Each structure stands twice: as C-alpha cells, then as structure tokens.
N, C-alpha and C. Protein backbone atom coordinates (compact mmCIF):
# COMPACT_ATOMS: atom_id res chain seq x y z
N UNK A 1 320.34 102.28 156.07
CA UNK A 1 318.97 102.67 155.85
C UNK A 1 318.82 103.15 154.41
N UNK A 2 317.74 102.71 153.77
CA UNK A 2 317.51 103.07 152.37
C UNK A 2 316.64 104.30 152.29
N UNK A 3 316.57 104.84 151.13
CA UNK A 3 315.74 106.03 150.90
C UNK A 3 314.27 105.67 151.11
N UNK A 4 313.86 104.50 150.71
CA UNK A 4 312.46 104.07 150.86
C UNK A 4 312.07 103.98 152.33
N UNK A 5 312.93 103.45 153.16
CA UNK A 5 312.61 103.34 154.58
C UNK A 5 312.56 104.71 155.25
N UNK A 6 313.39 105.66 154.76
CA UNK A 6 313.33 107.03 155.30
C UNK A 6 312.00 107.69 154.94
N UNK A 7 311.51 107.49 153.74
CA UNK A 7 310.22 108.08 153.32
C UNK A 7 309.08 107.49 154.15
N UNK A 8 309.08 106.16 154.37
CA UNK A 8 308.04 105.51 155.16
C UNK A 8 308.07 106.03 156.59
N UNK A 9 309.26 106.16 157.17
CA UNK A 9 309.33 106.63 158.55
C UNK A 9 308.88 108.07 158.68
N UNK A 10 309.09 108.91 157.66
CA UNK A 10 308.63 110.31 157.72
C UNK A 10 307.11 110.40 157.60
N UNK A 11 306.53 109.50 156.82
CA UNK A 11 305.07 109.55 156.62
C UNK A 11 304.31 108.76 157.67
N UNK A 12 304.93 108.07 158.52
CA UNK A 12 304.28 107.26 159.54
C UNK A 12 303.68 108.10 160.65
N UNK A 13 303.17 107.44 161.61
CA UNK A 13 302.54 108.09 162.76
C UNK A 13 303.63 108.58 163.71
N UNK A 14 303.65 109.90 163.90
CA UNK A 14 304.68 110.49 164.76
C UNK A 14 304.04 111.04 166.01
N UNK A 15 304.87 111.39 166.97
CA UNK A 15 304.36 111.95 168.23
C UNK A 15 303.60 113.25 168.01
N UNK A 16 304.05 114.07 167.09
CA UNK A 16 303.35 115.32 166.79
C UNK A 16 301.97 115.09 166.21
N UNK A 17 301.89 114.08 165.30
CA UNK A 17 300.59 113.76 164.71
C UNK A 17 299.62 113.22 165.76
N UNK A 18 300.12 112.38 166.67
CA UNK A 18 299.28 111.84 167.73
C UNK A 18 298.80 112.97 168.63
N UNK A 19 299.66 113.91 168.95
CA UNK A 19 299.27 115.06 169.78
C UNK A 19 298.18 115.88 169.09
N UNK A 20 298.33 116.10 167.78
CA UNK A 20 297.31 116.86 167.04
C UNK A 20 295.98 116.10 167.00
N UNK A 21 296.03 114.79 166.82
CA UNK A 21 294.80 113.99 166.80
C UNK A 21 294.11 114.06 168.15
N UNK A 22 294.86 113.91 169.24
CA UNK A 22 294.27 113.99 170.58
C UNK A 22 293.69 115.38 170.85
N UNK A 23 294.43 116.42 170.47
CA UNK A 23 293.94 117.79 170.68
C UNK A 23 292.66 118.02 169.87
N UNK A 24 292.61 117.55 168.62
CA UNK A 24 291.41 117.70 167.79
C UNK A 24 290.22 116.95 168.38
N UNK A 25 290.48 115.76 168.90
CA UNK A 25 289.42 114.97 169.53
C UNK A 25 288.82 115.71 170.71
N UNK A 26 289.68 116.18 171.62
CA UNK A 26 289.16 116.84 172.82
C UNK A 26 288.55 118.20 172.51
N UNK A 27 289.05 118.91 171.50
CA UNK A 27 288.42 120.17 171.09
C UNK A 27 287.02 119.91 170.52
N UNK A 28 286.87 118.82 169.76
CA UNK A 28 285.55 118.47 169.22
C UNK A 28 284.57 118.15 170.35
N UNK A 29 285.02 117.36 171.33
CA UNK A 29 284.16 117.02 172.47
C UNK A 29 283.78 118.28 173.24
N UNK A 30 284.74 119.16 173.46
CA UNK A 30 284.47 120.41 174.19
C UNK A 30 283.48 121.28 173.42
N UNK A 31 283.63 121.38 172.10
CA UNK A 31 282.71 122.19 171.30
C UNK A 31 281.29 121.64 171.37
N UNK A 32 281.14 120.32 171.28
CA UNK A 32 279.81 119.70 171.38
C UNK A 32 279.23 119.94 172.77
N UNK A 33 280.04 119.81 173.81
CA UNK A 33 279.57 120.06 175.18
C UNK A 33 279.08 121.50 175.34
N UNK A 34 279.81 122.46 174.78
CA UNK A 34 279.41 123.87 174.89
C UNK A 34 278.06 124.08 174.20
N UNK A 35 277.88 123.49 173.03
CA UNK A 35 276.60 123.63 172.31
C UNK A 35 275.47 123.00 173.12
N UNK A 36 275.68 121.82 173.66
CA UNK A 36 274.64 121.14 174.43
C UNK A 36 274.30 121.89 175.72
N UNK A 37 275.30 122.39 176.42
CA UNK A 37 275.05 123.13 177.66
C UNK A 37 274.30 124.42 177.37
N UNK A 38 274.70 125.13 176.32
CA UNK A 38 274.01 126.37 175.94
C UNK A 38 272.57 126.08 175.57
N UNK A 39 272.34 125.03 174.82
CA UNK A 39 270.98 124.66 174.44
C UNK A 39 270.15 124.31 175.67
N UNK A 40 270.72 123.58 176.61
CA UNK A 40 269.99 123.20 177.82
C UNK A 40 269.65 124.41 178.67
N UNK A 41 270.56 125.35 178.78
CA UNK A 41 270.32 126.53 179.61
C UNK A 41 269.29 127.47 179.00
N UNK A 42 269.18 127.46 177.68
CA UNK A 42 268.24 128.37 177.01
C UNK A 42 266.90 127.73 176.69
N UNK A 43 266.69 126.48 177.06
CA UNK A 43 265.43 125.81 176.78
C UNK A 43 264.60 125.71 178.05
N UNK A 44 263.55 124.91 177.99
CA UNK A 44 262.63 124.76 179.10
C UNK A 44 263.36 124.27 180.35
N UNK A 45 262.96 124.80 181.50
CA UNK A 45 263.63 124.48 182.75
C UNK A 45 263.35 123.07 183.24
N UNK A 46 262.25 122.49 182.82
CA UNK A 46 261.90 121.16 183.27
C UNK A 46 260.99 121.18 184.49
N UNK A 47 260.77 122.36 185.06
CA UNK A 47 259.87 122.46 186.21
C UNK A 47 258.44 122.30 185.74
N UNK A 48 257.73 121.41 186.36
CA UNK A 48 256.33 121.21 186.02
C UNK A 48 255.44 122.06 186.92
N UNK A 49 255.84 122.24 188.16
CA UNK A 49 255.07 123.03 189.12
C UNK A 49 256.02 123.96 189.86
N UNK A 50 255.52 125.13 190.17
CA UNK A 50 256.30 126.05 190.98
C UNK A 50 256.23 125.59 192.43
N UNK A 51 257.31 125.66 193.13
CA UNK A 51 257.41 125.28 194.54
C UNK A 51 256.93 123.84 194.77
N UNK A 52 257.53 122.86 194.11
CA UNK A 52 257.04 121.49 194.24
C UNK A 52 257.14 120.94 195.66
N UNK A 53 258.15 121.33 196.41
CA UNK A 53 258.29 120.81 197.78
C UNK A 53 257.13 121.28 198.65
N UNK A 54 256.81 122.57 198.58
CA UNK A 54 255.70 123.11 199.38
C UNK A 54 254.37 122.50 198.95
N UNK A 55 254.20 122.29 197.65
CA UNK A 55 252.97 121.66 197.17
C UNK A 55 252.85 120.23 197.68
N UNK A 56 253.97 119.54 197.76
CA UNK A 56 253.97 118.18 198.30
C UNK A 56 253.56 118.16 199.75
N UNK A 57 254.02 119.15 200.51
CA UNK A 57 253.66 119.22 201.93
C UNK A 57 252.17 119.50 202.10
N UNK A 58 251.59 120.24 201.17
CA UNK A 58 250.18 120.61 201.26
C UNK A 58 249.28 119.68 200.44
N UNK A 59 249.77 118.50 200.12
CA UNK A 59 249.02 117.61 199.23
C UNK A 59 247.66 117.24 199.79
N UNK A 60 247.57 116.97 201.09
CA UNK A 60 246.27 116.61 201.69
C UNK A 60 245.28 117.76 201.60
N UNK A 61 245.77 119.00 201.76
CA UNK A 61 244.89 120.16 201.60
C UNK A 61 244.37 120.25 200.17
N UNK A 62 245.25 119.97 199.21
CA UNK A 62 244.85 120.01 197.80
C UNK A 62 243.78 118.95 197.53
N UNK A 63 243.96 117.77 198.08
CA UNK A 63 242.94 116.71 197.91
C UNK A 63 241.61 117.11 198.53
N UNK A 64 241.64 117.74 199.69
CA UNK A 64 240.40 118.18 200.34
C UNK A 64 239.69 119.24 199.49
N UNK A 65 240.45 120.18 198.92
CA UNK A 65 239.86 121.20 198.05
C UNK A 65 239.24 120.57 196.81
N UNK A 66 239.94 119.58 196.23
CA UNK A 66 239.39 118.92 195.04
C UNK A 66 238.11 118.15 195.38
N UNK A 67 238.06 117.53 196.55
CA UNK A 67 236.84 116.82 196.96
C UNK A 67 235.69 117.81 197.14
N UNK A 68 235.97 118.98 197.73
CA UNK A 68 234.94 120.01 197.89
C UNK A 68 234.43 120.49 196.53
N UNK A 69 235.34 120.64 195.58
CA UNK A 69 234.94 121.06 194.24
C UNK A 69 234.09 120.00 193.57
N UNK A 70 234.44 118.74 193.76
CA UNK A 70 233.64 117.66 193.17
C UNK A 70 232.24 117.62 193.77
N UNK A 71 232.11 117.93 195.06
CA UNK A 71 230.79 117.95 195.71
C UNK A 71 229.89 119.05 195.15
N UNK A 72 230.50 120.13 194.64
CA UNK A 72 229.69 121.19 194.03
C UNK A 72 228.92 120.66 192.82
N UNK A 73 229.54 119.74 192.07
CA UNK A 73 228.88 119.16 190.91
C UNK A 73 228.87 120.06 189.68
N UNK A 74 229.60 121.15 189.71
CA UNK A 74 229.60 122.07 188.58
C UNK A 74 230.28 121.46 187.37
N UNK A 75 229.78 121.78 186.20
CA UNK A 75 230.34 121.32 184.93
C UNK A 75 230.72 122.53 184.09
N UNK A 76 231.83 122.40 183.38
CA UNK A 76 232.30 123.48 182.52
C UNK A 76 232.18 123.07 181.06
N UNK A 77 231.85 124.04 180.24
CA UNK A 77 231.89 123.85 178.80
C UNK A 77 232.75 124.95 178.22
N UNK A 78 233.85 124.58 177.57
CA UNK A 78 234.76 125.55 176.97
C UNK A 78 234.68 125.39 175.46
N UNK A 79 234.44 126.51 174.76
CA UNK A 79 234.30 126.46 173.31
C UNK A 79 234.93 127.69 172.68
N UNK A 80 235.37 127.51 171.46
CA UNK A 80 235.93 128.61 170.68
C UNK A 80 234.86 129.04 169.69
N UNK A 81 234.44 130.32 169.79
CA UNK A 81 233.36 130.82 168.94
C UNK A 81 233.79 132.13 168.30
N UNK A 82 234.23 132.04 167.05
CA UNK A 82 234.56 133.23 166.28
C UNK A 82 235.60 134.14 166.92
N UNK A 83 236.72 133.63 167.29
CA UNK A 83 237.77 134.46 167.87
C UNK A 83 237.58 134.79 169.35
N UNK A 84 236.57 134.22 169.95
CA UNK A 84 236.32 134.42 171.37
C UNK A 84 236.25 133.06 172.05
N UNK A 85 236.76 133.02 173.26
CA UNK A 85 236.69 131.81 174.07
C UNK A 85 235.48 131.94 174.97
N UNK A 86 234.61 130.95 174.92
CA UNK A 86 233.38 130.98 175.70
C UNK A 86 233.42 129.87 176.75
N UNK A 87 233.06 130.23 177.99
CA UNK A 87 233.01 129.26 179.09
C UNK A 87 231.60 129.29 179.67
N UNK A 88 230.95 128.13 179.70
CA UNK A 88 229.62 128.00 180.29
C UNK A 88 229.74 127.12 181.54
N UNK A 89 229.11 127.55 182.63
CA UNK A 89 229.14 126.82 183.89
C UNK A 89 227.72 126.41 184.24
N UNK A 90 227.52 125.09 184.49
CA UNK A 90 226.21 124.66 184.96
C UNK A 90 226.37 123.78 186.19
N UNK A 91 225.26 123.53 186.86
CA UNK A 91 225.29 122.84 188.15
C UNK A 91 225.24 121.32 188.02
N UNK A 92 225.42 120.81 186.83
CA UNK A 92 225.35 119.37 186.62
C UNK A 92 223.96 118.90 186.23
N UNK A 93 222.95 119.72 186.49
CA UNK A 93 221.57 119.42 186.11
C UNK A 93 221.16 120.27 184.90
N UNK A 94 222.11 121.01 184.34
CA UNK A 94 221.81 121.86 183.19
C UNK A 94 221.44 123.29 183.55
N UNK A 95 221.35 123.60 184.84
CA UNK A 95 221.01 124.97 185.26
C UNK A 95 222.29 125.79 185.35
N UNK A 96 222.30 127.03 184.80
CA UNK A 96 223.50 127.85 184.85
C UNK A 96 223.87 128.24 186.28
N UNK A 97 225.15 128.33 186.53
CA UNK A 97 225.66 128.77 187.84
C UNK A 97 225.99 130.25 187.73
N UNK A 98 225.40 131.05 188.61
CA UNK A 98 225.66 132.49 188.62
C UNK A 98 226.97 132.74 189.38
N UNK A 99 228.08 132.73 188.64
CA UNK A 99 229.40 132.92 189.26
C UNK A 99 229.68 134.39 189.48
N UNK A 100 230.43 134.69 190.55
CA UNK A 100 230.85 136.07 190.82
C UNK A 100 231.88 136.53 189.80
N UNK A 101 232.85 135.66 189.55
CA UNK A 101 233.87 135.98 188.55
C UNK A 101 234.52 134.70 188.06
N UNK A 102 235.26 134.85 186.96
CA UNK A 102 235.92 133.71 186.35
C UNK A 102 237.32 134.16 185.90
N UNK A 103 238.34 133.39 186.23
CA UNK A 103 239.71 133.67 185.81
C UNK A 103 240.11 132.65 184.76
N UNK A 104 240.71 133.14 183.67
CA UNK A 104 241.13 132.27 182.57
C UNK A 104 242.60 132.48 182.26
N UNK A 105 243.30 131.36 182.08
CA UNK A 105 244.69 131.42 181.64
C UNK A 105 244.87 130.44 180.49
N UNK A 106 245.52 130.91 179.42
CA UNK A 106 245.90 130.03 178.33
C UNK A 106 247.31 129.54 178.60
N UNK A 107 247.50 128.24 178.58
CA UNK A 107 248.80 127.65 178.89
C UNK A 107 249.31 126.88 177.68
N UNK A 108 250.52 127.20 177.27
CA UNK A 108 251.15 126.48 176.15
C UNK A 108 252.09 125.44 176.75
N UNK A 109 251.76 124.17 176.59
CA UNK A 109 252.55 123.13 177.24
C UNK A 109 253.97 123.06 176.71
N UNK A 110 254.18 123.48 175.47
CA UNK A 110 255.51 123.38 174.89
C UNK A 110 256.40 124.57 175.23
N UNK A 111 255.81 125.70 175.67
CA UNK A 111 256.62 126.89 175.97
C UNK A 111 255.87 127.78 176.94
N UNK A 112 256.27 127.74 178.20
CA UNK A 112 255.57 128.51 179.25
C UNK A 112 255.68 130.02 179.03
N UNK A 113 256.62 130.44 178.21
CA UNK A 113 256.75 131.88 177.94
C UNK A 113 255.56 132.42 177.15
N UNK A 114 254.80 131.55 176.51
CA UNK A 114 253.63 131.97 175.74
C UNK A 114 252.35 131.98 176.57
N UNK A 115 252.41 131.54 177.83
CA UNK A 115 251.23 131.55 178.69
C UNK A 115 250.70 132.97 178.84
N UNK A 116 249.39 133.09 178.95
CA UNK A 116 248.79 134.42 179.11
C UNK A 116 247.49 134.35 179.89
N UNK A 117 247.21 135.43 180.59
CA UNK A 117 245.96 135.58 181.33
C UNK A 117 244.98 136.31 180.43
N UNK A 118 243.74 135.82 180.37
CA UNK A 118 242.72 136.43 179.53
C UNK A 118 241.75 137.24 180.38
N UNK A 119 241.32 138.35 179.86
CA UNK A 119 240.32 139.21 180.49
C UNK A 119 238.95 138.65 180.14
N UNK A 120 238.15 138.33 181.15
CA UNK A 120 236.83 137.75 180.90
C UNK A 120 235.74 138.79 181.14
N UNK A 121 234.64 138.61 180.40
CA UNK A 121 233.46 139.46 180.59
C UNK A 121 232.24 138.55 180.70
N UNK A 122 231.30 138.88 181.57
CA UNK A 122 230.08 138.08 181.66
C UNK A 122 229.29 138.15 180.35
N UNK A 123 228.71 137.03 179.95
CA UNK A 123 227.94 136.98 178.71
C UNK A 123 226.61 136.27 178.96
N UNK A 124 225.97 136.63 180.04
CA UNK A 124 224.73 135.97 180.41
C UNK A 124 224.96 135.12 181.65
N UNK A 125 223.86 134.61 182.20
CA UNK A 125 223.98 133.84 183.43
C UNK A 125 224.73 132.53 183.17
N UNK A 126 225.78 132.33 183.94
CA UNK A 126 226.59 131.12 183.82
C UNK A 126 227.51 131.09 182.63
N UNK A 127 227.71 132.24 181.97
CA UNK A 127 228.58 132.29 180.79
C UNK A 127 229.55 133.46 180.89
N UNK A 128 230.77 133.19 180.45
CA UNK A 128 231.79 134.22 180.37
C UNK A 128 232.50 134.08 179.02
N UNK A 129 233.01 135.21 178.52
CA UNK A 129 233.74 135.18 177.26
C UNK A 129 235.04 135.95 177.40
N UNK A 130 236.01 135.61 176.53
CA UNK A 130 237.30 136.29 176.51
C UNK A 130 237.78 136.36 175.07
N UNK A 131 238.40 137.46 174.71
CA UNK A 131 238.98 137.66 173.39
C UNK A 131 240.31 136.92 173.32
N UNK A 132 240.56 136.19 172.23
CA UNK A 132 241.83 135.47 172.10
C UNK A 132 242.59 135.89 170.85
N UNK A 133 242.40 137.12 170.41
CA UNK A 133 243.11 137.61 169.22
C UNK A 133 244.62 137.57 169.48
N UNK A 134 245.37 137.21 168.46
CA UNK A 134 246.82 137.20 168.55
C UNK A 134 247.41 135.96 169.19
N UNK A 135 246.58 134.97 169.47
CA UNK A 135 247.08 133.73 170.07
C UNK A 135 247.52 132.80 168.94
N UNK A 136 248.71 132.23 169.08
CA UNK A 136 249.23 131.30 168.07
C UNK A 136 248.33 130.09 167.93
N UNK A 137 248.18 129.59 166.72
CA UNK A 137 247.42 128.36 166.55
C UNK A 137 248.14 127.18 167.18
N UNK A 138 247.37 126.17 167.54
CA UNK A 138 247.97 124.95 168.08
C UNK A 138 247.23 124.45 169.30
N UNK A 139 247.88 123.54 170.01
CA UNK A 139 247.30 122.91 171.19
C UNK A 139 247.59 123.76 172.43
N UNK A 140 246.54 124.10 173.15
CA UNK A 140 246.64 124.92 174.37
C UNK A 140 245.87 124.24 175.49
N UNK A 141 246.20 124.60 176.70
CA UNK A 141 245.39 124.23 177.85
C UNK A 141 244.75 125.50 178.38
N UNK A 142 243.49 125.40 178.77
CA UNK A 142 242.76 126.54 179.33
C UNK A 142 242.54 126.24 180.81
N UNK A 143 243.18 127.03 181.66
CA UNK A 143 243.01 126.89 183.11
C UNK A 143 241.87 127.83 183.52
N UNK A 144 240.80 127.24 184.04
CA UNK A 144 239.60 128.00 184.40
C UNK A 144 239.43 127.94 185.92
N UNK A 145 239.22 129.11 186.53
CA UNK A 145 238.90 129.17 187.95
C UNK A 145 237.61 129.97 188.09
N UNK A 146 236.59 129.31 188.66
CA UNK A 146 235.27 129.93 188.84
C UNK A 146 235.10 130.24 190.33
N UNK A 147 234.65 131.46 190.62
CA UNK A 147 234.42 131.90 192.01
C UNK A 147 232.95 132.25 192.18
N UNK A 148 232.36 131.72 193.27
CA UNK A 148 231.01 132.14 193.68
C UNK A 148 231.00 132.09 195.19
N UNK A 149 231.03 133.27 195.82
CA UNK A 149 231.10 133.33 197.27
C UNK A 149 232.36 132.62 197.76
N UNK A 150 232.18 131.66 198.67
CA UNK A 150 233.31 130.88 199.18
C UNK A 150 233.63 129.68 198.30
N UNK A 151 232.74 129.39 197.34
CA UNK A 151 232.94 128.24 196.46
C UNK A 151 233.92 128.58 195.35
N UNK A 152 234.70 127.56 194.97
CA UNK A 152 235.70 127.76 193.92
C UNK A 152 235.84 126.45 193.14
N UNK A 153 235.95 126.58 191.82
CA UNK A 153 236.15 125.43 190.95
C UNK A 153 237.36 125.70 190.07
N UNK A 154 238.33 124.78 190.08
CA UNK A 154 239.51 124.87 189.22
C UNK A 154 239.48 123.70 188.25
N UNK A 155 239.59 124.00 186.97
CA UNK A 155 239.65 122.95 185.96
C UNK A 155 240.64 123.37 184.87
N UNK A 156 241.19 122.36 184.22
CA UNK A 156 242.06 122.60 183.06
C UNK A 156 241.48 121.81 181.89
N UNK A 157 241.18 122.50 180.81
CA UNK A 157 240.63 121.89 179.62
C UNK A 157 241.62 122.04 178.46
N UNK A 158 241.59 121.11 177.53
CA UNK A 158 242.45 121.18 176.35
C UNK A 158 241.68 121.82 175.21
N UNK A 159 242.37 122.68 174.46
CA UNK A 159 241.72 123.41 173.37
C UNK A 159 242.68 123.48 172.19
N UNK A 160 242.16 123.24 170.99
CA UNK A 160 242.95 123.40 169.77
C UNK A 160 242.50 124.69 169.12
N UNK A 161 243.45 125.61 168.93
CA UNK A 161 243.15 126.87 168.27
C UNK A 161 243.63 126.78 166.83
N UNK A 162 242.70 126.89 165.88
CA UNK A 162 243.09 126.75 164.45
C UNK A 162 243.88 127.94 163.94
C-alpha cells in the first residue's frame, strides 16, 4: 500500500461519517417537525362551528327558523358612521321595525380571539348604534340578532373598518 492510497482511504466515506450524516438528517427532520407541531397547536383550531355534530342533527330546525325569518321580510342596513356602528331595521317596505333589542357581535374571520360583543343602544325607531372604539382596522363580519316579541332575525354582514 502506498502513502497516496492511505490518504485517500482516510479521507473517504467511513462508517463514522455515515453515522453522523444519518444522525444530522434525522435531527433536522425532528427539529422541523417540532416547529410545525408547535405552530399548528398555537394557531387556529380549524373549527368553523361549535358543536358541529349537534348542529348537524338539528339542521332541519335551523332551516325552519331561517324560513320563518325570511317570511318576516325584515331588511338590515349596517353602516359605519364616525366611530359608531349603526344598524337600521325595516320591514322590506321601508317602514322601520320597532325591535325590542338587538345583539351585535364583531367577528374576525382570521382570528376568533379578536371577536367581541358590542353594547347597543336604541337610536330611534328601527335603529340601534354601538361604539367600536379600539377595534383593529380590516375585514370583519357583523353578526346581528334582532328580537321583537317571539320574532327573531339573525344575519351576518361584512364590514371593512378603516
């Protein structure tokens, strides 16, 4: 054996080097897995509705309620007016609906942790207002529930807050 062949055999691929390469490969995969799992656990859950199984069982009831709401013929107008959210309710013929109360929720589709319930105050017949100070700008959904006696109207409107 010559000196040159000894140098080549020392610098070649050895069992120790292969073990280190394999260990580095699997450590890299494990590190990426840990980052991905942590990110998945700390992000949105993916649930679109709470109690989806029970809602599925009650689907026909939900359809009946929606049909009853459609028969009311009520129309909603949601507007942003100087830092206040204004909701106007009419009967479809332009006449205001004298509602007993109105519930408002701001829903952030990208992060449910930012969802909030707004306190509403009557602002004339068929109108309610709510203060929206401190709400982040962007795309929001406004969930509106109007109550008048036994009648109820649920609607979700999209709103851009500048």
